């Protein structure tokens, strides 16, 4: 069965990967954060990635609108709007902590229909389609089957451990 928004998802996933690659190249060159009016940080990587995402989305979907964290704003001619956060987690990005992502969502007539979260440092892409579930790369994921809090488990690790693991497995075992 065909999923809705297949073309949009394919484009958004590709664009998120390309933006993540650009962000990582810029990060390797060294980035400094500036403060925006709301006191949140922004870097040249945020701005350049949003420009790339905007350009690529509009090439694929020229009638769609845009709303970006760093200022991209274009009215829609068809009720569709792409919502962009080029680097979600700019503070972590600047610090070199590998827990930032590229976020791209598609809103149609005021309803978010699909979204992509690309964790560039980990090489993972999560996406979801309203009413059709969520996926990690091409594998469908779901919620726990645990019915009560007494059966649940929770764990936490410092960010330094995140770079030493791959898909939840110790480095070298995944």
C-alpha atoms as a PDB file:
ATOM      1  CA  UNK A   1       0.000   0.000   0.000  1.00  0.00           C
ATOM      2  CA  UNK A   2       1.334   3.417  -0.953  1.00  0.00           C
ATOM      3  CA  UNK A   3       1.970   5.864   1.851  1.00  0.00           C
ATOM      4  CA  UNK A   4       0.710   9.419   1.572  1.00  0.00           C
ATOM      5  CA  UNK A   5       3.350  12.061   0.951  1.00  0.00           C
ATOM      6  CA  UNK A   6       5.917   9.561  -0.399  1.00  0.00           C
ATOM      7  CA  UNK A   7       7.508  12.089  -2.745  1.00  0.00           C
ATOM      8  CA  UNK A   8       7.580  14.776  -0.056  1.00  0.00           C
ATOM      9  CA  UNK A   9       9.177  12.391   2.428  1.00  0.00           C
ATOM     10  CA  UNK A  10      11.797  11.227  -0.059  1.00  0.00           C
ATOM     11  CA  UNK A  11      12.742  14.829  -0.799  1.00  0.00           C
ATOM     12  CA  UNK A  12      12.689  15.889   2.875  1.00  0.00           C
ATOM     13  CA  UNK A  13      14.862  12.923   3.904  1.00  0.00           C
ATOM     14  CA  UNK A  14      17.401  13.671   1.149  1.00  0.00           C
ATOM     15  CA  UNK A  15      17.413  17.380   1.967  1.00  0.00           C
ATOM     16  CA  UNK A  16      17.837  16.696   5.701  1.00  0.00           C
ATOM     17  CA  UNK A  17      20.821  14.417   4.990  1.00  0.00           C
ATOM     18  CA  UNK A  18      22.429  17.010   2.703  1.00  0.00           C
ATOM     19  CA  UNK A  19      21.890  19.726   5.296  1.00  0.00           C
ATOM     20  CA  UNK A  20      23.332  17.513   8.024  1.00  0.00           C
ATOM     21  CA  UNK A  21      26.430  16.893   5.907  1.00  0.00           C
ATOM     22  CA  UNK A  22      26.855  20.637   5.354  1.00  0.00           C
ATOM     23  CA  UNK A  23      26.428  21.311   9.075  1.00  0.00           C
ATOM     24  CA  UNK A  24      29.050  18.711   9.978  1.00  0.00           C
ATOM     25  CA  UNK A  25      31.527  20.181   7.465  1.00  0.00           C
ATOM     26  CA  UNK A  26      30.990  23.655   8.905  1.00  0.00           C
ATOM     27  CA  UNK A  27      31.238  22.318  12.459  1.00  0.00           C
ATOM     28  CA  UNK A  28      34.598  20.706  11.630  1.00  0.00           C
ATOM     29  CA  UNK A  29      35.867  24.118  10.480  1.00  0.00           C
ATOM     30  CA  UNK A  30      34.847  25.637  13.813  1.00  0.00           C
ATOM     31  CA  UNK A  31      31.735  27.706  14.485  1.00  0.00           C
ATOM     32  CA  UNK A  32      30.977  30.529  16.872  1.00  0.00           C
ATOM     33  CA  UNK A  33      27.510  31.198  18.222  1.00  0.00           C
ATOM     34  CA  UNK A  34      25.848  34.600  18.219  1.00  0.00           C
ATOM     35  CA  UNK A  35      22.767  35.491  20.239  1.00  0.00           C
ATOM     36  CA  UNK A  36      19.445  36.094  18.531  1.00  0.00           C
ATOM     37  CA  UNK A  37      16.939  38.605  19.887  1.00  0.00           C
ATOM     38  CA  UNK A  38      15.334  35.823  21.967  1.00  0.00           C
ATOM     39  CA  UNK A  39      18.802  35.051  23.452  1.00  0.00           C
ATOM     40  CA  UNK A  40      18.999  31.654  21.746  1.00  0.00           C
ATOM     41  CA  UNK A  41      22.212  30.850  19.873  1.00  0.00           C
ATOM     42  CA  UNK A  42      22.637  30.874  16.100  1.00  0.00           C
ATOM     43  CA  UNK A  43      25.664  30.035  13.956  1.00  0.00           C
ATOM     44  CA  UNK A  44      26.637  30.473  10.337  1.00  0.00           C
ATOM     45  CA  UNK A  45      25.868  26.739  10.011  1.00  0.00           C
ATOM     46  CA  UNK A  46      22.231  27.326  11.083  1.00  0.00           C
ATOM     47  CA  UNK A  47      21.874  30.087   8.495  1.00  0.00           C
ATOM     48  CA  UNK A  48      23.610  28.252   5.637  1.00  0.00           C
ATOM     49  CA  UNK A  49      21.724  25.019   6.295  1.00  0.00           C
ATOM     50  CA  UNK A  50      18.380  26.838   6.305  1.00  0.00           C
ATOM     51  CA  UNK A  51      19.277  28.453   2.956  1.00  0.00           C
ATOM     52  CA  UNK A  52      20.143  25.031   1.512  1.00  0.00           C
ATOM     53  CA  UNK A  53      16.981  23.387   2.843  1.00  0.00           C
ATOM     54  CA  UNK A  54      14.789  26.238   1.590  1.00  0.00           C
ATOM     55  CA  UNK A  55      16.335  26.198  -1.885  1.00  0.00           C
ATOM     56  CA  UNK A  56      16.052  22.430  -2.298  1.00  0.00           C
ATOM     57  CA  UNK A  57      12.465  22.251  -1.014  1.00  0.00           C
ATOM     58  CA  UNK A  58      11.344  25.084  -3.288  1.00  0.00           C
ATOM     59  CA  UNK A  59      13.059  23.472  -6.287  1.00  0.00           C
ATOM     60  CA  UNK A  60      10.993  20.335  -5.648  1.00  0.00           C
ATOM     61  CA  UNK A  61       7.764  22.052  -4.541  1.00  0.00           C
ATOM     62  CA  UNK A  62       7.698  25.614  -5.933  1.00  0.00           C
ATOM     63  CA  UNK A  63       4.155  26.449  -4.770  1.00  0.00           C
ATOM     64  CA  UNK A  64       4.778  25.490  -1.135  1.00  0.00           C
ATOM     65  CA  UNK A  65       5.416  27.964   1.668  1.00  0.00           C
ATOM     66  CA  UNK A  66       8.299  28.032   4.149  1.00  0.00           C
ATOM     67  CA  UNK A  67       8.704  28.885   7.816  1.00  0.00           C
ATOM     68  CA  UNK A  68      12.239  28.616   9.145  1.00  0.00           C
ATOM     69  CA  UNK A  69      13.756  29.036  12.583  1.00  0.00           C
ATOM     70  CA  UNK A  70      16.386  31.385  11.164  1.00  0.00           C
ATOM     71  CA  UNK A  71      14.022  33.599   9.202  1.00  0.00           C
ATOM     72  CA  UNK A  72      12.958  31.766   6.046  1.00  0.00           C
ATOM     73  CA  UNK A  73       9.402  32.858   5.394  1.00  0.00           C
ATOM     74  CA  UNK A  74       7.463  32.395   2.187  1.00  0.00           C
ATOM     75  CA  UNK A  75       3.709  32.370   1.733  1.00  0.00           C
ATOM     76  CA  UNK A  76       2.154  29.234   0.306  1.00  0.00           C
ATOM     77  CA  UNK A  77       0.229  29.226  -2.962  1.00  0.00           C
ATOM     78  CA  UNK A  78      -1.413  25.868  -2.180  1.00  0.00           C
ATOM     79  CA  UNK A  79      -1.998  25.518   1.592  1.00  0.00           C
ATOM     80  CA  UNK A  80       1.249  23.605   2.157  1.00  0.00           C
ATOM     81  CA  UNK A  81       4.068  24.909   4.344  1.00  0.00           C
ATOM     82  CA  UNK A  82       7.458  23.407   5.192  1.00  0.00           C
ATOM     83  CA  UNK A  83       8.569  24.090   8.773  1.00  0.00           C
ATOM     84  CA  UNK A  84      12.347  24.063   9.182  1.00  0.00           C
ATOM     85  CA  UNK A  85      14.764  23.967  12.095  1.00  0.00           C
ATOM     86  CA  UNK A  86      18.129  23.555  10.375  1.00  0.00           C
ATOM     87  CA  UNK A  87      20.009  22.668  13.564  1.00  0.00           C
ATOM     88  CA  UNK A  88      17.808  21.739  16.497  1.00  0.00           C
ATOM     89  CA  UNK A  89      20.194  21.817  19.431  1.00  0.00           C
ATOM     90  CA  UNK A  90      22.534  24.617  18.386  1.00  0.00           C
ATOM     91  CA  UNK A  91      24.118  24.757  21.868  1.00  0.00           C
ATOM     92  CA  UNK A  92      25.056  21.076  21.588  1.00  0.00           C
ATOM     93  CA  UNK A  93      26.198  21.611  17.991  1.00  0.00           C
ATOM     94  CA  UNK A  94      28.589  24.390  19.064  1.00  0.00           C
ATOM     95  CA  UNK A  95      29.918  22.288  21.960  1.00  0.00           C
ATOM     96  CA  UNK A  96      30.476  19.288  19.699  1.00  0.00           C
ATOM     97  CA  UNK A  97      27.952  17.161  21.585  1.00  0.00           C
ATOM     98  CA  UNK A  98      26.408  14.711  19.070  1.00  0.00           C
ATOM     99  CA  UNK A  99      22.766  15.223  20.032  1.00  0.00           C
ATOM    100  CA  UNK A 100      21.590  17.817  17.507  1.00  0.00           C
ATOM    101  CA  UNK A 101      19.391  17.231  14.488  1.00  0.00           C
ATOM    102  CA  UNK A 102      17.912  18.670  11.299  1.00  0.00           C
ATOM    103  CA  UNK A 103      14.116  18.992  11.533  1.00  0.00           C
ATOM    104  CA  UNK A 104      11.790  19.380   8.549  1.00  0.00           C
ATOM    105  CA  UNK A 105       8.008  19.134   8.770  1.00  0.00           C
ATOM    106  CA  UNK A 106       5.204  19.548   6.259  1.00  0.00           C
ATOM    107  CA  UNK A 107       1.977  21.266   7.245  1.00  0.00           C
ATOM    108  CA  UNK A 108      -1.032  21.023   4.919  1.00  0.00           C
ATOM    109  CA  UNK A 109      -3.998  23.329   5.551  1.00  0.00           C
ATOM    110  CA  UNK A 110      -2.834  23.892   9.132  1.00  0.00           C
ATOM    111  CA  UNK A 111      -2.275  20.201   9.969  1.00  0.00           C
ATOM    112  CA  UNK A 112       1.213  18.708  10.290  1.00  0.00           C
ATOM    113  CA  UNK A 113       1.145  15.658   8.023  1.00  0.00           C
ATOM    114  CA  UNK A 114       4.733  14.430   8.052  1.00  0.00           C
ATOM    115  CA  UNK A 115       8.087  15.220   9.583  1.00  0.00           C
ATOM    116  CA  UNK A 116      11.733  14.233   9.396  1.00  0.00           C
ATOM    117  CA  UNK A 117      14.378  14.294  12.138  1.00  0.00           C
ATOM    118  CA  UNK A 118      17.897  13.613  10.848  1.00  0.00           C
ATOM    119  CA  UNK A 119      20.479  12.980  13.573  1.00  0.00           C
ATOM    120  CA  UNK A 120      23.505  13.771  11.422  1.00  0.00           C
ATOM    121  CA  UNK A 121      26.210  12.843  13.977  1.00  0.00           C
ATOM    122  CA  UNK A 122      24.643   9.379  14.323  1.00  0.00           C
ATOM    123  CA  UNK A 123      23.684   8.930  10.679  1.00  0.00           C
ATOM    124  CA  UNK A 124      20.080   8.138  11.636  1.00  0.00           C
ATOM    125  CA  UNK A 125      16.876   9.527  10.196  1.00  0.00           C
ATOM    126  CA  UNK A 126      13.520   9.300  11.915  1.00  0.00           C
ATOM    127  CA  UNK A 127      10.296  10.221  10.145  1.00  0.00           C
ATOM    128  CA  UNK A 128       6.573   9.924  10.665  1.00  0.00           C
ATOM    129  CA  UNK A 129       3.407  10.228   8.616  1.00  0.00           C
ATOM    130  CA  UNK A 130       0.192  11.237  10.367  1.00  0.00           C
ATOM    131  CA  UNK A 131      -1.913   8.114  10.737  1.00  0.00           C
ATOM    132  CA  UNK A 132       0.763   5.782   9.342  1.00  0.00           C
ATOM    133  CA  UNK A 133       3.337   5.514  12.107  1.00  0.00           C
ATOM    134  CA  UNK A 134       6.950   6.397  12.690  1.00  0.00           C
ATOM    135  CA  UNK A 135      10.148   4.975  11.264  1.00  0.00           C
ATOM    136  CA  UNK A 136      13.865   4.894  12.012  1.00  0.00           C
ATOM    137  CA  UNK A 137      15.528   4.863   8.623  1.00  0.00           C
ATOM    138  CA  UNK A 138      13.235   2.368   6.840  1.00  0.00           C
ATOM    139  CA  UNK A 139      12.212   0.325   9.887  1.00  0.00           C
ATOM    140  CA  UNK A 140       8.844   1.019  11.487  1.00  0.00           C
ATOM    141  CA  UNK A 141       9.072   1.787  15.182  1.00  0.00           C
ATOM    142  CA  UNK A 142       6.376   1.920  17.825  1.00  0.00           C
ATOM    143  CA  UNK A 143       5.595   2.549  21.415  1.00  0.00           C
ATOM    144  CA  UNK A 144       6.252   0.130  24.235  1.00  0.00           C
ATOM    145  CA  UNK A 145       3.708  -2.582  24.954  1.00  0.00           C
ATOM    146  CA  UNK A 146       4.143  -1.978  28.700  1.00  0.00           C
ATOM    147  CA  UNK A 147       0.749  -1.336  30.265  1.00  0.00           C
ATOM    148  CA  UNK A 148       1.724   0.096  33.668  1.00  0.00           C
ATOM    149  CA  UNK A 149       4.476   2.299  35.059  1.00  0.00           C
ATOM    150  CA  UNK A 150       5.529  -0.510  37.435  1.00  0.00           C
ATOM    151  CA  UNK A 151       6.584  -2.589  34.400  1.00  0.00           C
ATOM    152  CA  UNK A 152       8.491   0.267  32.747  1.00  0.00           C
ATOM    153  CA  UNK A 153      12.215   0.881  32.748  1.00  0.00           C
ATOM    154  CA  UNK A 154      14.057   4.144  32.287  1.00  0.00           C
ATOM    155  CA  UNK A 155      17.717   4.866  31.848  1.00  0.00           C
ATOM    156  CA  UNK A 156      19.949   7.828  31.215  1.00  0.00           C
ATOM    157  CA  UNK A 157      23.526   8.312  30.211  1.00  0.00           C
ATOM    158  CA  UNK A 158      25.727  11.391  30.033  1.00  0.00           C
ATOM    159  CA  UNK A 159      26.129  12.864  26.530  1.00  0.00           C
ATOM    160  CA  UNK A 160      29.738  11.645  26.471  1.00  0.00           C
ATOM    161  CA  UNK A 161      28.422   8.080  26.270  1.00  0.00           C
ATOM    162  CA  UNK A 162      26.233   8.901  23.259  1.00  0.00           C
ATOM    163  CA  UNK A 163      29.289   9.224  21.035  1.00  0.00           C
ATOM    164  CA  UNK A 164      30.613   5.874  22.286  1.00  0.00           C
ATOM    165  CA  UNK A 165      27.529   3.941  21.259  1.00  0.00           C
ATOM    166  CA  UNK A 166      25.887   3.047  17.982  1.00  0.00           C
ATOM    167  CA  UNK A 167      22.148   2.359  17.907  1.00  0.00           C
ATOM    168  CA  UNK A 168      22.205   1.697  21.649  1.00  0.00           C
ATOM    169  CA  UNK A 169      25.007  -0.858  21.385  1.00  0.00           C
ATOM    170  CA  UNK A 170      28.564  -0.404  22.668  1.00  0.00           C
ATOM    171  CA  UNK A 171      30.926   0.915  20.021  1.00  0.00           C
ATOM    172  CA  UNK A 172      32.267  -1.854  17.809  1.00  0.00           C
ATOM    173  CA  UNK A 173      29.357  -4.237  18.416  1.00  0.00           C
ATOM    174  CA  UNK A 174      26.624  -2.742  16.230  1.00  0.00           C
END
